[in-house]
Amino acid sequence: MNKLELAYVLVKAKMGHEVDVMNDILKIDGVKEVLGTFGQYDIFVKVQVPTRNAIERVITQKIRRVSNVMSTTTLSVIPGQGGK
């Protein structure tokens, strides 16, 4: 099995629309987990896809275009560092 690329995305949603944004993001291929958070960001998203280019496409063409997403911050994972 090929190793998948991994990134985490912090999402700021328009106030009052967090659950709708979470539900829409969950429908995106490559999104593995979506969690609501307290603090500066509203939503924590785990993206896992075959290539770095696919990560870029998921974020720029899918997540950022979800209605009521105000901003995103991407945390790229360094291969070989961390894990179980």
C-alpha atoms as a PDB file:
ATOM      1  CA  MET A   1       0.000   0.000   0.000  1.00  0.00           C
ATOM      2  CA  ASN A   2       1.291   3.453  -0.910  1.00  0.00           C
ATOM      3  CA  LYS A   3       1.706   5.943   1.896  1.00  0.00           C
ATOM      4  CA  LEU A   4      -0.808   8.789   1.811  1.00  0.00           C
ATOM      5  CA  GLU A   5       0.081  12.453   2.228  1.00  0.00           C
ATOM      6  CA  LEU A   6      -1.330  14.115   5.331  1.00  0.00           C
ATOM      7  CA  ALA A   7      -2.208  17.687   6.273  1.00  0.00           C
ATOM      8  CA  TYR A   8      -4.346  19.361   8.893  1.00  0.00           C
ATOM      9  CA  VAL A   9      -6.448  22.410   8.078  1.00  0.00           C
ATOM     10  CA  LEU A  10      -7.680  24.964  10.618  1.00  0.00           C
ATOM     11  CA  VAL A  11     -10.878  26.610   9.415  1.00  0.00           C
ATOM     12  CA  LYS A  12     -12.531  29.837  10.523  1.00  0.00           C
ATOM     13  CA  ALA A  13     -16.256  29.815   9.716  1.00  0.00           C
ATOM     14  CA  LYS A  14     -18.830  32.574   9.683  1.00  0.00           C
ATOM     15  CA  MET A  15     -20.424  32.792  13.130  1.00  0.00           C
ATOM     16  CA  GLY A  16     -23.519  30.609  13.448  1.00  0.00           C
ATOM     17  CA  HIS A  17     -22.597  28.466  10.430  1.00  0.00           C
ATOM     18  CA  GLU A  18     -19.967  26.199  11.972  1.00  0.00           C
ATOM     19  CA  VAL A  19     -22.051  22.991  11.894  1.00  0.00           C
ATOM     20  CA  ASP A  20     -23.130  23.585   8.281  1.00  0.00           C
ATOM     21  CA  VAL A  21     -19.506  24.148   7.267  1.00  0.00           C
ATOM     22  CA  MET A  22     -18.427  20.988   9.109  1.00  0.00           C
ATOM     23  CA  ASN A  23     -21.112  18.921   7.371  1.00  0.00           C
ATOM     24  CA  ASP A  24     -20.139  20.289   3.945  1.00  0.00           C
ATOM     25  CA  ILE A  25     -16.428  19.661   4.531  1.00  0.00           C
ATOM     26  CA  LEU A  26     -17.150  16.063   5.590  1.00  0.00           C
ATOM     27  CA  LYS A  27     -18.565  15.416   2.098  1.00  0.00           C
ATOM     28  CA  ILE A  28     -15.228  16.231   0.405  1.00  0.00           C
ATOM     29  CA  ASP A  29     -13.147  13.301  -0.884  1.00  0.00           C
ATOM     30  CA  GLY A  30      -9.884  13.088   1.046  1.00  0.00           C
ATOM     31  CA  VAL A  31     -11.296  14.590   4.241  1.00  0.00           C
ATOM     32  CA  LYS A  32     -10.881  11.945   6.943  1.00  0.00           C
ATOM     33  CA  GLU A  33     -11.955  13.805  10.081  1.00  0.00           C
ATOM     34  CA  VAL A  34     -13.651  17.065  11.053  1.00  0.00           C
ATOM     35  CA  LEU A  35     -13.823  18.358  14.619  1.00  0.00           C
ATOM     36  CA  GLY A  36     -15.298  21.511  16.116  1.00  0.00           C
ATOM     37  CA  THR A  37     -12.860  23.516  18.253  1.00  0.00           C
ATOM     38  CA  PHE A  38     -12.794  26.448  20.658  1.00  0.00           C
ATOM     39  CA  GLY A  39     -10.410  29.340  20.108  1.00  0.00           C
ATOM     40  CA  GLN A  40      -9.176  31.256  17.103  1.00  0.00           C
ATOM     41  CA  TYR A  41     -10.310  28.529  14.687  1.00  0.00           C
ATOM     42  CA  ASP A  42     -13.703  26.840  14.601  1.00  0.00           C
ATOM     43  CA  ILE A  43     -12.956  23.598  12.783  1.00  0.00           C
ATOM     44  CA  PHE A  44     -10.044  21.139  12.646  1.00  0.00           C
ATOM     45  CA  VAL A  45      -9.847  19.060   9.451  1.00  0.00           C
ATOM     46  CA  LYS A  46      -7.678  16.027   8.695  1.00  0.00           C
ATOM     47  CA  VAL A  47      -6.919  15.607   4.977  1.00  0.00           C
ATOM     48  CA  GLN A  48      -5.295  12.429   3.673  1.00  0.00           C
ATOM     49  CA  VAL A  49      -4.751  11.939  -0.060  1.00  0.00           C
ATOM     50  CA  PRO A  50      -2.228  10.251  -2.407  1.00  0.00           C
ATOM     51  CA  THR A  51      -0.143  13.323  -3.371  1.00  0.00           C
ATOM     52  CA  ARG A  52       0.897  16.789  -2.193  1.00  0.00           C
ATOM     53  CA  ASN A  53      -0.790  18.233  -5.272  1.00  0.00           C
ATOM     54  CA  ALA A  54      -4.036  16.538  -4.218  1.00  0.00           C
ATOM     55  CA  ILE A  55      -3.767  18.191  -0.797  1.00  0.00           C
ATOM     56  CA  GLU A  56      -3.458  21.562  -2.501  1.00  0.00           C
ATOM     57  CA  ARG A  57      -6.507  20.854  -4.687  1.00  0.00           C
ATOM     58  CA  VAL A  58      -8.650  19.687  -1.750  1.00  0.00           C
ATOM     59  CA  ILE A  59      -7.844  22.841   0.209  1.00  0.00           C
ATOM     60  CA  THR A  60      -7.940  25.476  -2.515  1.00  0.00           C
ATOM     61  CA  GLN A  61     -10.654  24.055  -4.759  1.00  0.00           C
ATOM     62  CA  LYS A  62     -12.892  22.370  -2.194  1.00  0.00           C
ATOM     63  CA  ILE A  63     -12.523  23.459   1.450  1.00  0.00           C
ATOM     64  CA  ARG A  64     -11.955  27.166   0.762  1.00  0.00           C
ATOM     65  CA  ARG A  65     -14.971  27.231  -1.562  1.00  0.00           C
ATOM     66  CA  VAL A  66     -17.396  25.848   1.021  1.00  0.00           C
ATOM     67  CA  SER A  67     -20.064  28.421   1.786  1.00  0.00           C
ATOM     68  CA  ASN A  68     -19.348  30.406   4.979  1.00  0.00           C
ATOM     69  CA  VAL A  69     -15.649  29.462   5.193  1.00  0.00           C
ATOM     70  CA  MET A  70     -13.877  32.706   6.051  1.00  0.00           C
ATOM     71  CA  SER A  71     -10.254  31.509   6.146  1.00  0.00           C
ATOM     72  CA  THR A  72      -8.013  28.459   6.405  1.00  0.00           C
ATOM     73  CA  THR A  73      -4.563  27.720   7.765  1.00  0.00           C
ATOM     74  CA  THR A  74      -2.809  24.559   6.603  1.00  0.00           C
ATOM     75  CA  LEU A  75      -0.440  22.531   8.767  1.00  0.00           C
ATOM     76  CA  SER A  76       1.658  20.321   6.499  1.00  0.00           C
ATOM     77  CA  VAL A  77       3.032  17.188   8.107  1.00  0.00           C
ATOM     78  CA  ILE A  78       6.755  16.446   7.803  1.00  0.00           C
ATOM     79  CA  PRO A  79       7.130  12.873   6.504  1.00  0.00           C
ATOM     80  CA  GLY A  80       8.918  10.572   8.922  1.00  0.00           C
ATOM     81  CA  GLN A  81       8.501  12.774  11.984  1.00  0.00           C
ATOM     82  CA  GLY A  82       6.080  11.667  14.667  1.00  0.00           C
ATOM     83  CA  GLY A  83       3.348   9.091  14.583  1.00  0.00           C
ATOM     84  CA  LYS A  84       2.584   6.060  16.685  1.00  0.00           C
END
